Amino acid sequence: QHFVFRHLGEDALVQHLSQVLNKENVP
């Protein structure tokens, strides 16, 4: 069963990084 993984868009990466920084308490 073949699954093709996609590139992440810039907005999705920005949202993910922002969540990580908030959890790390980094302004």
PDB file of all heavy atoms in Angstrom:
ATOM      1  N   GLN A   1       0.864  -1.173   0.000  1.00  0.00           N
ATOM      2  CA  GLN A   1       0.000   0.000   0.000  1.00  0.00           C
ATOM      3  C   GLN A   1       0.910   1.235   0.000  1.00  0.00           C
ATOM      4  O   GLN A   1       1.686   1.434   0.931  1.00  0.00           O
ATOM      5  CB  GLN A   1      -0.911  -0.001   1.233  1.00  0.00           C
ATOM      6  CG  GLN A   1      -2.083  -0.938   1.134  1.00  0.00           C
ATOM      7  CD  GLN A   1      -3.115  -0.708   2.225  1.00  0.00           C
ATOM      8  OE1 GLN A   1      -2.962   0.191   3.042  1.00  0.00           O
ATOM      9  NE2 GLN A   1      -4.158  -1.514   2.232  1.00  0.00           N
ATOM     10  N   HIS A   2       0.790   2.036  -1.053  1.00  0.00           N
ATOM     11  CA  HIS A   2       1.720   3.139  -1.285  1.00  0.00           C
ATOM     12  C   HIS A   2       1.101   4.452  -0.815  1.00  0.00           C
ATOM     13  O   HIS A   2       0.023   4.835  -1.272  1.00  0.00           O
ATOM     14  CB  HIS A   2       2.063   3.211  -2.777  1.00  0.00           C
ATOM     15  CG  HIS A   2       3.121   4.207  -3.102  1.00  0.00           C
ATOM     16  ND1 HIS A   2       3.442   4.586  -4.396  1.00  0.00           N
ATOM     17  CD2 HIS A   2       3.963   4.917  -2.310  1.00  0.00           C
ATOM     18  CE1 HIS A   2       4.399   5.469  -4.369  1.00  0.00           C
ATOM     19  NE2 HIS A   2       4.729   5.690  -3.122  1.00  0.00           N
ATOM     20  N   PHE A   3       1.803   5.147   0.084  1.00  0.00           N
ATOM     21  CA  PHE A   3       1.371   6.453   0.575  1.00  0.00           C
ATOM     22  C   PHE A   3       2.465   7.475   0.258  1.00  0.00           C
ATOM     23  O   PHE A   3       3.635   7.267   0.598  1.00  0.00           O
ATOM     24  CB  PHE A   3       1.120   6.423   2.087  1.00  0.00           C
ATOM     25  CG  PHE A   3      -0.042   5.563   2.494  1.00  0.00           C
ATOM     26  CD1 PHE A   3       0.163   4.270   2.944  1.00  0.00           C
ATOM     27  CD2 PHE A   3      -1.332   6.046   2.411  1.00  0.00           C
ATOM     28  CE1 PHE A   3      -0.904   3.476   3.314  1.00  0.00           C
ATOM     29  CE2 PHE A   3      -2.418   5.259   2.777  1.00  0.00           C
ATOM     30  CZ  PHE A   3      -2.198   3.971   3.222  1.00  0.00           C
ATOM     31  N   VAL A   4       2.066   8.548  -0.406  1.00  0.00           N
ATOM     32  CA  VAL A   4       2.998   9.617  -0.787  1.00  0.00           C
ATOM     33  C   VAL A   4       2.862  10.752   0.228  1.00  0.00           C
ATOM     34  O   VAL A   4       1.792  11.335   0.375  1.00  0.00           O
ATOM     35  CB  VAL A   4       2.706  10.128  -2.213  1.00  0.00           C
ATOM     36  CG1 VAL A   4       3.684  11.235  -2.583  1.00  0.00           C
ATOM     37  CG2 VAL A   4       2.787   8.980  -3.212  1.00  0.00           C
ATOM     38  N   PHE A   5       3.959  11.066   0.907  1.00  0.00           N
ATOM     39  CA  PHE A   5       3.977  12.129   1.901  1.00  0.00           C
ATOM     40  C   PHE A   5       4.263  13.462   1.212  1.00  0.00           C
ATOM     41  O   PHE A   5       5.157  13.551   0.363  1.00  0.00           O
ATOM     42  CB  PHE A   5       5.037  11.851   2.970  1.00  0.00           C
ATOM     43  CG  PHE A   5       4.656  10.778   3.951  1.00  0.00           C
ATOM     44  CD1 PHE A   5       4.376   9.488   3.523  1.00  0.00           C
ATOM     45  CD2 PHE A   5       4.568  11.053   5.298  1.00  0.00           C
ATOM     46  CE1 PHE A   5       4.012   8.492   4.408  1.00  0.00           C
ATOM     47  CE2 PHE A   5       4.206  10.076   6.208  1.00  0.00           C
ATOM     48  CZ  PHE A   5       3.930   8.787   5.764  1.00  0.00           C
ATOM     49  N   ARG A   6       3.535  14.487   1.605  1.00  0.00           N
ATOM     50  CA  ARG A   6       3.624  15.780   0.931  1.00  0.00           C
ATOM     51  C   ARG A   6       4.575  16.724   1.654  1.00  0.00           C
ATOM     52  O   ARG A   6       4.852  16.571   2.849  1.00  0.00           O
ATOM     53  CB  ARG A   6       2.241  16.431   0.876  1.00  0.00           C
ATOM     54  CG  ARG A   6       1.185  15.604   0.161  1.00  0.00           C
ATOM     55  CD  ARG A   6      -0.191  16.186   0.387  1.00  0.00           C
ATOM     56  NE  ARG A   6      -1.243  15.395  -0.257  1.00  0.00           N
ATOM     57  CZ  ARG A   6      -2.530  15.543  -0.016  1.00  0.00           C
ATOM     58  NH1 ARG A   6      -2.940  16.452   0.859  1.00  0.00           N
ATOM     59  NH2 ARG A   6      -3.417  14.796  -0.642  1.00  0.00           N
ATOM     60  N   HIS A   7       5.052  17.714   0.887  1.00  0.00           N
ATOM     61  CA  HIS A   7       5.740  18.847   1.504  1.00  0.00           C
ATOM     62  C   HIS A   7       4.757  19.609   2.391  1.00  0.00           C
ATOM     63  O   HIS A   7       3.583  19.734   2.060  1.00  0.00           O
ATOM     64  CB  HIS A   7       6.274  19.806   0.438  1.00  0.00           C
ATOM     65  CG  HIS A   7       7.531  19.327  -0.212  1.00  0.00           C
ATOM     66  ND1 HIS A   7       8.776  19.603   0.293  1.00  0.00           N
ATOM     67  CD2 HIS A   7       7.737  18.595  -1.332  1.00  0.00           C
ATOM     68  CE1 HIS A   7       9.700  19.061  -0.479  1.00  0.00           C
ATOM     69  NE2 HIS A   7       9.096  18.442  -1.471  1.00  0.00           N
ATOM     70  N   LEU A   8       5.261  20.143   3.488  1.00  0.00           N
ATOM     71  CA  LEU A   8       4.425  20.983   4.330  1.00  0.00           C
ATOM     72  C   LEU A   8       4.468  22.415   3.827  1.00  0.00           C
ATOM     73  O   LEU A   8       5.538  22.918   3.454  1.00  0.00           O
ATOM     74  CB  LEU A   8       4.901  20.928   5.786  1.00  0.00           C
ATOM     75  CG  LEU A   8       4.141  19.921   6.668  1.00  0.00           C
ATOM     76  CD1 LEU A   8       4.578  18.504   6.324  1.00  0.00           C
ATOM     77  CD2 LEU A   8       4.369  20.196   8.135  1.00  0.00           C
ATOM     78  N   GLY A   9       3.325  23.064   3.803  1.00  0.00           N
ATOM     79  CA  GLY A   9       3.273  24.455   3.402  1.00  0.00           C
ATOM     80  C   GLY A   9       3.902  25.362   4.448  1.00  0.00           C
ATOM     81  O   GLY A   9       4.087  24.988   5.621  1.00  0.00           O
ATOM     82  N   GLU A  10       4.220  26.561   4.011  1.00  0.00           N
ATOM     83  CA  GLU A  10       4.864  27.509   4.917  1.00  0.00           C
ATOM     84  C   GLU A  10       3.965  27.861   6.092  1.00  0.00           C
ATOM     85  O   GLU A  10       4.434  27.946   7.244  1.00  0.00           O
ATOM     86  CB  GLU A  10       5.242  28.775   4.135  1.00  0.00           C
ATOM     87  CG  GLU A  10       6.039  29.782   4.929  1.00  0.00           C
ATOM     88  CD  GLU A  10       6.463  30.970   4.091  1.00  0.00           C
ATOM     89  OE1 GLU A  10       6.871  30.745   2.930  1.00  0.00           O
ATOM     90  OE2 GLU A  10       6.377  32.113   4.580  1.00  0.00           O
ATOM     91  N   ASP A  11       2.680  28.036   5.849  1.00  0.00           N
ATOM     92  CA  ASP A  11       1.772  28.384   6.941  1.00  0.00           C
ATOM     93  C   ASP A  11       1.660  27.259   7.967  1.00  0.00           C
ATOM     94  O   ASP A  11       1.599  27.513   9.178  1.00  0.00           O
ATOM     95  CB  ASP A  11       0.388  28.718   6.379  1.00  0.00           C
ATOM     96  CG  ASP A  11       0.390  29.984   5.533  1.00  0.00           C
ATOM     97  OD1 ASP A  11       1.274  30.829   5.766  1.00  0.00           O
ATOM     98  OD2 ASP A  11      -0.481  30.116   4.650  1.00  0.00           O
ATOM     99  N   ALA A  12       1.643  26.009   7.496  1.00  0.00           N
ATOM    100  CA  ALA A  12       1.567  24.883   8.431  1.00  0.00           C
ATOM    101  C   ALA A  12       2.822  24.795   9.290  1.00  0.00           C
ATOM    102  O   ALA A  12       2.750  24.517  10.501  1.00  0.00           O
ATOM    103  CB  ALA A  12       1.355  23.584   7.654  1.00  0.00           C
ATOM    104  N   LEU A  13       3.984  25.045   8.688  1.00  0.00           N
ATOM    105  CA  LEU A  13       5.228  25.028   9.465  1.00  0.00           C
ATOM    106  C   LEU A  13       5.266  26.169  10.464  1.00  0.00           C
ATOM    107  O   LEU A  13       5.739  26.004  11.594  1.00  0.00           O
ATOM    108  CB  LEU A  13       6.429  25.101   8.519  1.00  0.00           C
ATOM    109  CG  LEU A  13       6.854  23.800   7.836  1.00  0.00           C
ATOM    110  CD1 LEU A  13       8.015  24.056   6.901  1.00  0.00           C
ATOM    111  CD2 LEU A  13       7.229  22.751   8.868  1.00  0.00           C
ATOM    112  N   VAL A  14       4.793  27.355  10.058  1.00  0.00           N
ATOM    113  CA  VAL A  14       4.765  28.496  10.977  1.00  0.00           C
ATOM    114  C   VAL A  14       3.879  28.172  12.179  1.00  0.00           C
ATOM    115  O   VAL A  14       4.249  28.451  13.333  1.00  0.00           O
ATOM    116  CB  VAL A  14       4.266  29.755  10.242  1.00  0.00           C
ATOM    117  CG1 VAL A  14       3.946  30.863  11.228  1.00  0.00           C
ATOM    118  CG2 VAL A  14       5.315  30.233   9.254  1.00  0.00           C
ATOM    119  N   GLN A  15       2.733  27.571  11.938  1.00  0.00           N
ATOM    120  CA  GLN A  15       1.836  27.224  13.043  1.00  0.00           C
ATOM    121  C   GLN A  15       2.479  26.189  13.973  1.00  0.00           C
ATOM    122  O   GLN A  15       2.392  26.299  15.208  1.00  0.00           O
ATOM    123  CB  GLN A  15       0.522  26.684  12.476  1.00  0.00           C
ATOM    124  CG  GLN A  15      -0.513  26.345  13.543  1.00  0.00           C
ATOM    125  CD  GLN A  15      -1.799  25.826  12.930  1.00  0.00           C
ATOM    126  OE1 GLN A  15      -1.918  25.707  11.707  1.00  0.00           O
ATOM    127  NE2 GLN A  15      -2.769  25.503  13.766  1.00  0.00           N
ATOM    128  N   HIS A  16       3.142  25.200  13.392  1.00  0.00           N
ATOM    129  CA  HIS A  16       3.782  24.168  14.210  1.00  0.00           C
ATOM    130  C   HIS A  16       4.926  24.751  15.042  1.00  0.00           C
ATOM    131  O   HIS A  16       5.029  24.458  16.251  1.00  0.00           O
ATOM    132  CB  HIS A  16       4.304  23.056  13.301  1.00  0.00           C
ATOM    133  CG  HIS A  16       5.007  21.949  14.023  1.00  0.00           C
ATOM    134  ND1 HIS A  16       4.386  21.131  14.931  1.00  0.00           N
ATOM    135  CD2 HIS A  16       6.310  21.551  13.987  1.00  0.00           C
ATOM    136  CE1 HIS A  16       5.247  20.256  15.418  1.00  0.00           C
ATOM    137  NE2 HIS A  16       6.420  20.487  14.860  1.00  0.00           N
ATOM    138  N   LEU A  17       5.763  25.563  14.446  1.00  0.00           N
ATOM    139  CA  LEU A  17       6.883  26.166  15.183  1.00  0.00           C
ATOM    140  C   LEU A  17       6.383  27.106  16.276  1.00  0.00           C
ATOM    141  O   LEU A  17       6.972  27.180  17.368  1.00  0.00           O
ATOM    142  CB  LEU A  17       7.804  26.909  14.219  1.00  0.00           C
ATOM    143  CG  LEU A  17       8.567  26.044  13.203  1.00  0.00           C
ATOM    144  CD1 LEU A  17       9.350  26.922  12.244  1.00  0.00           C
ATOM    145  CD2 LEU A  17       9.502  25.078  13.912  1.00  0.00           C
ATOM    146  N   SER A  18       5.328  27.821  15.988  1.00  0.00           N
ATOM    147  CA  SER A  18       4.770  28.723  17.002  1.00  0.00           C
ATOM    148  C   SER A  18       4.260  27.940  18.213  1.00  0.00           C
ATOM    149  O   SER A  18       4.460  28.359  19.369  1.00  0.00           O
ATOM    150  CB  SER A  18       3.644  29.556  16.393  1.00  0.00           C
ATOM    151  OG  SER A  18       4.107  30.335  15.303  1.00  0.00           O
ATOM    152  N   GLN A  19       3.626  26.802  17.967  1.00  0.00           N
ATOM    153  CA  GLN A  19       3.162  25.979  19.085  1.00  0.00           C
ATOM    154  C   GLN A  19       4.329  25.459  19.913  1.00  0.00           C
ATOM    155  O   GLN A  19       4.268  25.442  21.160  1.00  0.00           O
ATOM    156  CB  GLN A  19       2.327  24.815  18.549  1.00  0.00           C
ATOM    157  CG  GLN A  19       0.999  25.229  17.923  1.00  0.00           C
ATOM    158  CD  GLN A  19       0.252  24.054  17.320  1.00  0.00           C
ATOM    159  OE1 GLN A  19       0.752  22.921  17.314  1.00  0.00           O
ATOM    160  NE2 GLN A  19      -0.949  24.312  16.811  1.00  0.00           N
ATOM    161  N   VAL A  20       5.403  25.046  19.250  1.00  0.00           N
ATOM    162  CA  VAL A  20       6.571  24.560  19.985  1.00  0.00           C
ATOM    163  C   VAL A  20       7.194  25.673  20.811  1.00  0.00           C
ATOM    164  O   VAL A  20       7.565  25.472  21.990  1.00  0.00           O
ATOM    165  CB  VAL A  20       7.597  23.965  19.001  1.00  0.00           C
ATOM    166  CG1 VAL A  20       8.921  23.659  19.699  1.00  0.00           C
ATOM    167  CG2 VAL A  20       7.041  22.705  18.352  1.00  0.00           C
ATOM    168  N   LEU A  21       7.310  26.878  20.261  1.00  0.00           N
ATOM    169  CA  LEU A  21       7.895  27.990  21.006  1.00  0.00           C
ATOM    170  C   LEU A  21       7.019  28.389  22.190  1.00  0.00           C
ATOM    171  O   LEU A  21       7.530  28.754  23.254  1.00  0.00           O
ATOM    172  CB  LEU A  21       8.091  29.175  20.061  1.00  0.00           C
ATOM    173  CG  LEU A  21       9.222  29.019  19.032  1.00  0.00           C
ATOM    174  CD1 LEU A  21       9.152  30.131  17.999  1.00  0.00           C
ATOM    175  CD2 LEU A  21      10.576  29.017  19.714  1.00  0.00           C
ATOM    176  N   ASN A  22       5.720  28.319  22.014  1.00  0.00           N
ATOM    177  CA  ASN A  22       4.833  28.623  23.137  1.00  0.00           C
ATOM    178  C   ASN A  22       4.990  27.593  24.252  1.00  0.00           C
ATOM    179  O   ASN A  22       4.977  27.944  25.444  1.00  0.00           O
ATOM    180  CB  ASN A  22       3.385  28.674  22.660  1.00  0.00           C
ATOM    181  CG  ASN A  22       3.093  29.907  21.818  1.00  0.00           C
ATOM    182  OD1 ASN A  22       3.680  30.967  22.039  1.00  0.00           O
ATOM    183  ND2 ASN A  22       2.199  29.780  20.852  1.00  0.00           N
ATOM    184  N   LYS A  23       5.127  26.322  23.876  1.00  0.00           N
ATOM    185  CA  LYS A  23       5.333  25.296  24.893  1.00  0.00           C
ATOM    186  C   LYS A  23       6.695  25.442  25.579  1.00  0.00           C
ATOM    187  O   LYS A  23       6.844  25.090  26.757  1.00  0.00           O
ATOM    188  CB  LYS A  23       5.211  23.907  24.266  1.00  0.00           C
ATOM    189  CG  LYS A  23       3.802  23.588  23.768  1.00  0.00           C
ATOM    190  CD  LYS A  23       3.760  22.240  23.079  1.00  0.00           C
ATOM    191  CE  LYS A  23       2.355  21.940  22.545  1.00  0.00           C
ATOM    192  NZ  LYS A  23       2.315  20.638  21.815  1.00  0.00           N
ATOM    193  N   GLU A  24       7.684  25.957  24.849  1.00  0.00           N
ATOM    194  CA  GLU A  24       9.012  26.172  25.422  1.00  0.00           C
ATOM    195  C   GLU A  24       9.115  27.503  26.153  1.00  0.00           C
ATOM    196  O   GLU A  24      10.169  27.811  26.719  1.00  0.00           O
ATOM    197  CB  GLU A  24      10.074  26.118  24.312  1.00  0.00           C
ATOM    198  CG  GLU A  24      10.267  24.751  23.688  1.00  0.00           C
ATOM    199  CD  GLU A  24      11.053  23.813  24.589  1.00  0.00           C
ATOM    200  OE1 GLU A  24      11.889  24.303  25.378  1.00  0.00           O
ATOM    201  OE2 GLU A  24      10.814  22.594  24.515  1.00  0.00           O
ATOM    202  N   ASN A  25       8.035  28.298  26.134  1.00  0.00           N
ATOM    203  CA  ASN A  25       8.012  29.617  26.782  1.00  0.00           C
ATOM    204  C   ASN A  25       9.120  30.538  26.248  1.00  0.00           C
ATOM    205  O   ASN A  25       9.828  31.208  27.004  1.00  0.00           O
ATOM    206  CB  ASN A  25       8.153  29.469  28.307  1.00  0.00           C
ATOM    207  CG  ASN A  25       6.978  28.742  28.924  1.00  0.00           C
ATOM    208  OD1 ASN A  25       5.830  28.939  28.515  1.00  0.00           O
ATOM    209  ND2 ASN A  25       7.258  27.888  29.901  1.00  0.00           N
ATOM    210  N   VAL A  26       9.254  30.567  24.943  1.00  0.00           N
ATOM    211  CA  VAL A  26      10.260  31.407  24.280  1.00  0.00           C
ATOM    212  C   VAL A  26       9.531  32.507  23.517  1.00  0.00           C
ATOM    213  O   VAL A  26       8.709  32.206  22.632  1.00  0.00           O
ATOM    214  CB  VAL A  26      11.133  30.582  23.310  1.00  0.00           C
ATOM    215  CG1 VAL A  26      12.111  31.488  22.569  1.00  0.00           C
ATOM    216  CG2 VAL A  26      11.884  29.495  24.067  1.00  0.00           C
ATOM    217  N   PRO A  27       9.779  33.782  23.819  1.00  0.00           N
ATOM    218  CA  PRO A  27       9.168  34.862  23.031  1.00  0.00           C
ATOM    219  C   PRO A  27       9.761  34.894  21.628  1.00  0.00           C
ATOM    220  O   PRO A  27      10.957  34.638  21.434  1.00  0.00           O
ATOM    221  CB  PRO A  27       9.515  36.123  23.825  1.00  0.00           C
ATOM    222  CG  PRO A  27      10.702  35.761  24.633  1.00  0.00           C
ATOM    223  CD  PRO A  27      10.605  34.295  24.934  1.00  0.00           C
TER     224      PRO A  27
END
